[in-house]
Amino acid sequence: MPEPFLQPQRERNTMSIQAINVRNQFKGKVREIIRGDVVSEVDVETAWGIVTSVITTRSVDELQLKVGSDVVALVKSTEVSIAKL
C-alpha cells in the first residue's frame, strides 16, 4: 500500500528573512489585490509609489495577503528599458 502524501508542516507568521541578495527592496502595504483563477495582481503602496506584482493566486493565499498587509516588494531584473518622453 503506498504511503500517504505528507505535506511539510508550516508555521504561520514565524518566517523571517535572514539575508537576500536583491538590492531593490520596497517596504509597503498591500493596497489592492485583483484575484484571478491562476494569477493575481497585487498593488503595494510604498514611499516611492505603487509597485505592482503578478503572483500566483496560490501564493496570495499561502502568504495570507490582505489589503493592509505589511510586505516587502523585491525587484530583480536583468533589463531596464527606457522610453523617451
C-alpha atoms as a PDB file:
ATOM      1  CA  MET A   1       0.000   0.000   0.000  1.00  0.00           C
ATOM      2  CA  PRO A   2       1.531   3.395  -0.958  1.00  0.00           C
ATOM      3  CA  GLU A   3       2.476   5.813   1.788  1.00  0.00           C
ATOM      4  CA  PRO A   4       0.121   8.769   2.151  1.00  0.00           C
ATOM      5  CA  PHE A   5       1.266  12.095   0.782  1.00  0.00           C
ATOM      6  CA  LEU A   6       2.754  14.151   3.588  1.00  0.00           C
ATOM      7  CA  GLN A   7       2.717  17.912   3.443  1.00  0.00           C
ATOM      8  CA  PRO A   8       5.503  19.774   5.230  1.00  0.00           C
ATOM      9  CA  GLN A   9       4.480  21.464   8.446  1.00  0.00           C
ATOM     10  CA  ARG A  10       4.399  25.236   8.039  1.00  0.00           C
ATOM     11  CA  GLU A  11       4.293  27.562  10.950  1.00  0.00           C
ATOM     12  CA  ARG A  12       2.491  30.743  10.026  1.00  0.00           C
ATOM     13  CA  ASN A  13       3.956  34.125  10.907  1.00  0.00           C
ATOM     14  CA  THR A  14       7.294  32.690  12.065  1.00  0.00           C
ATOM     15  CA  MET A  15       9.359  33.004   8.900  1.00  0.00           C
ATOM     16  CA  SER A  16      11.845  35.857   8.725  1.00  0.00           C
ATOM     17  CA  ILE A  17      14.314  36.806   6.040  1.00  0.00           C
ATOM     18  CA  GLN A  18      17.887  36.343   7.261  1.00  0.00           C
ATOM     19  CA  ALA A  19      19.637  37.570   4.115  1.00  0.00           C
ATOM     20  CA  ILE A  20      18.777  38.229   0.494  1.00  0.00           C
ATOM     21  CA  ASN A  21      20.790  39.497  -2.447  1.00  0.00           C
ATOM     22  CA  VAL A  22      18.065  41.624  -4.015  1.00  0.00           C
ATOM     23  CA  ARG A  23      19.074  45.284  -3.863  1.00  0.00           C
ATOM     24  CA  ASN A  24      15.779  46.845  -4.896  1.00  0.00           C
ATOM     25  CA  GLN A  25      13.513  46.354  -1.890  1.00  0.00           C
ATOM     26  CA  PHE A  26      10.426  48.460  -1.283  1.00  0.00           C
ATOM     27  CA  LYS A  27       8.668  48.181   2.073  1.00  0.00           C
ATOM     28  CA  GLY A  28       4.988  48.970   1.907  1.00  0.00           C
ATOM     29  CA  LYS A  29       1.402  47.913   2.457  1.00  0.00           C
ATOM     30  CA  VAL A  30      -0.861  45.952   0.151  1.00  0.00           C
ATOM     31  CA  ARG A  31      -3.224  48.487  -1.414  1.00  0.00           C
ATOM     32  CA  GLU A  32      -5.261  46.221  -3.705  1.00  0.00           C
ATOM     33  CA  ILE A  33      -5.458  42.575  -4.753  1.00  0.00           C
ATOM     34  CA  ILE A  34      -7.122  41.631  -8.024  1.00  0.00           C
ATOM     35  CA  ARG A  35      -7.636  37.875  -7.806  1.00  0.00           C
ATOM     36  CA  GLY A  36      -7.663  35.620 -10.830  1.00  0.00           C
ATOM     37  CA  ASP A  37      -8.141  31.886 -11.143  1.00  0.00           C
ATOM     38  CA  VAL A  38      -4.413  31.251 -11.585  1.00  0.00           C
ATOM     39  CA  VAL A  39      -2.591  34.551 -11.054  1.00  0.00           C
ATOM     40  CA  SER A  40      -3.397  37.661  -9.060  1.00  0.00           C
ATOM     41  CA  GLU A  41      -2.248  41.275  -9.283  1.00  0.00           C
ATOM     42  CA  VAL A  42      -1.003  42.777  -6.012  1.00  0.00           C
ATOM     43  CA  ASP A  43      -0.519  46.540  -5.685  1.00  0.00           C
ATOM     44  CA  VAL A  44       1.865  47.620  -2.928  1.00  0.00           C
ATOM     45  CA  GLU A  45       1.887  51.237  -1.777  1.00  0.00           C
ATOM     46  CA  THR A  46       5.431  52.343  -0.958  1.00  0.00           C
ATOM     47  CA  ALA A  47       7.056  55.670  -0.106  1.00  0.00           C
ATOM     48  CA  TRP A  48       8.205  55.833  -3.756  1.00  0.00           C
ATOM     49  CA  GLY A  49       4.886  54.982  -5.363  1.00  0.00           C
ATOM     50  CA  ILE A  50       2.885  51.894  -6.263  1.00  0.00           C
ATOM     51  CA  VAL A  51       4.717  48.655  -7.057  1.00  0.00           C
ATOM     52  CA  THR A  52       2.600  46.040  -8.827  1.00  0.00           C
ATOM     53  CA  SER A  53       3.398  42.337  -8.753  1.00  0.00           C
ATOM     54  CA  VAL A  54       1.708  39.477 -10.585  1.00  0.00           C
ATOM     55  CA  ILE A  55       2.000  36.302  -8.498  1.00  0.00           C
ATOM     56  CA  THR A  56       0.097  33.055  -8.336  1.00  0.00           C
ATOM     57  CA  THR A  57      -3.218  33.134  -6.525  1.00  0.00           C
ATOM     58  CA  ARG A  58      -1.935  30.187  -4.503  1.00  0.00           C
ATOM     59  CA  SER A  59       0.921  32.403  -3.265  1.00  0.00           C
ATOM     60  CA  VAL A  60      -1.552  35.119  -2.268  1.00  0.00           C
ATOM     61  CA  ASP A  61      -3.426  32.534  -0.201  1.00  0.00           C
ATOM     62  CA  GLU A  62      -0.318  30.909   1.310  1.00  0.00           C
ATOM     63  CA  LEU A  63       1.123  34.308   2.291  1.00  0.00           C
ATOM     64  CA  GLN A  64      -2.315  35.255   3.664  1.00  0.00           C
ATOM     65  CA  LEU A  65      -2.106  38.598   1.849  1.00  0.00           C
ATOM     66  CA  LYS A  66      -4.883  41.059   2.511  1.00  0.00           C
ATOM     67  CA  VAL A  67      -5.344  44.764   1.882  1.00  0.00           C
ATOM     68  CA  GLY A  68      -3.263  46.479   4.566  1.00  0.00           C
ATOM     69  CA  SER A  69      -0.735  43.644   4.973  1.00  0.00           C
ATOM     70  CA  ASP A  70       2.844  44.838   5.570  1.00  0.00           C
ATOM     71  CA  VAL A  71       5.085  43.473   2.811  1.00  0.00           C
ATOM     72  CA  VAL A  72       8.407  43.980   1.069  1.00  0.00           C
ATOM     73  CA  ALA A  73       8.373  44.095  -2.730  1.00  0.00           C
ATOM     74  CA  LEU A  74      11.606  42.585  -4.045  1.00  0.00           C
ATOM     75  CA  VAL A  75      12.502  43.692  -7.569  1.00  0.00           C
ATOM     76  CA  LYS A  76      15.136  41.827  -9.550  1.00  0.00           C
ATOM     77  CA  SER A  77      15.523  42.438 -13.238  1.00  0.00           C
ATOM     78  CA  THR A  78      18.141  41.712 -15.836  1.00  0.00           C
ATOM     79  CA  GLU A  79      16.994  44.568 -18.066  1.00  0.00           C
ATOM     80  CA  VAL A  80      15.563  48.042 -17.679  1.00  0.00           C
ATOM     81  CA  SER A  81      14.092  49.659 -20.794  1.00  0.00           C
ATOM     82  CA  ILE A  82      13.963  53.410 -21.343  1.00  0.00           C
ATOM     83  CA  ALA A  83      11.454  55.319 -23.479  1.00  0.00           C
ATOM     84  CA  LYS A  84      11.919  58.960 -24.444  1.00  0.00           C
ATOM     85  CA  LEU A  85       9.052  61.231 -23.361  1.00  0.00           C
END
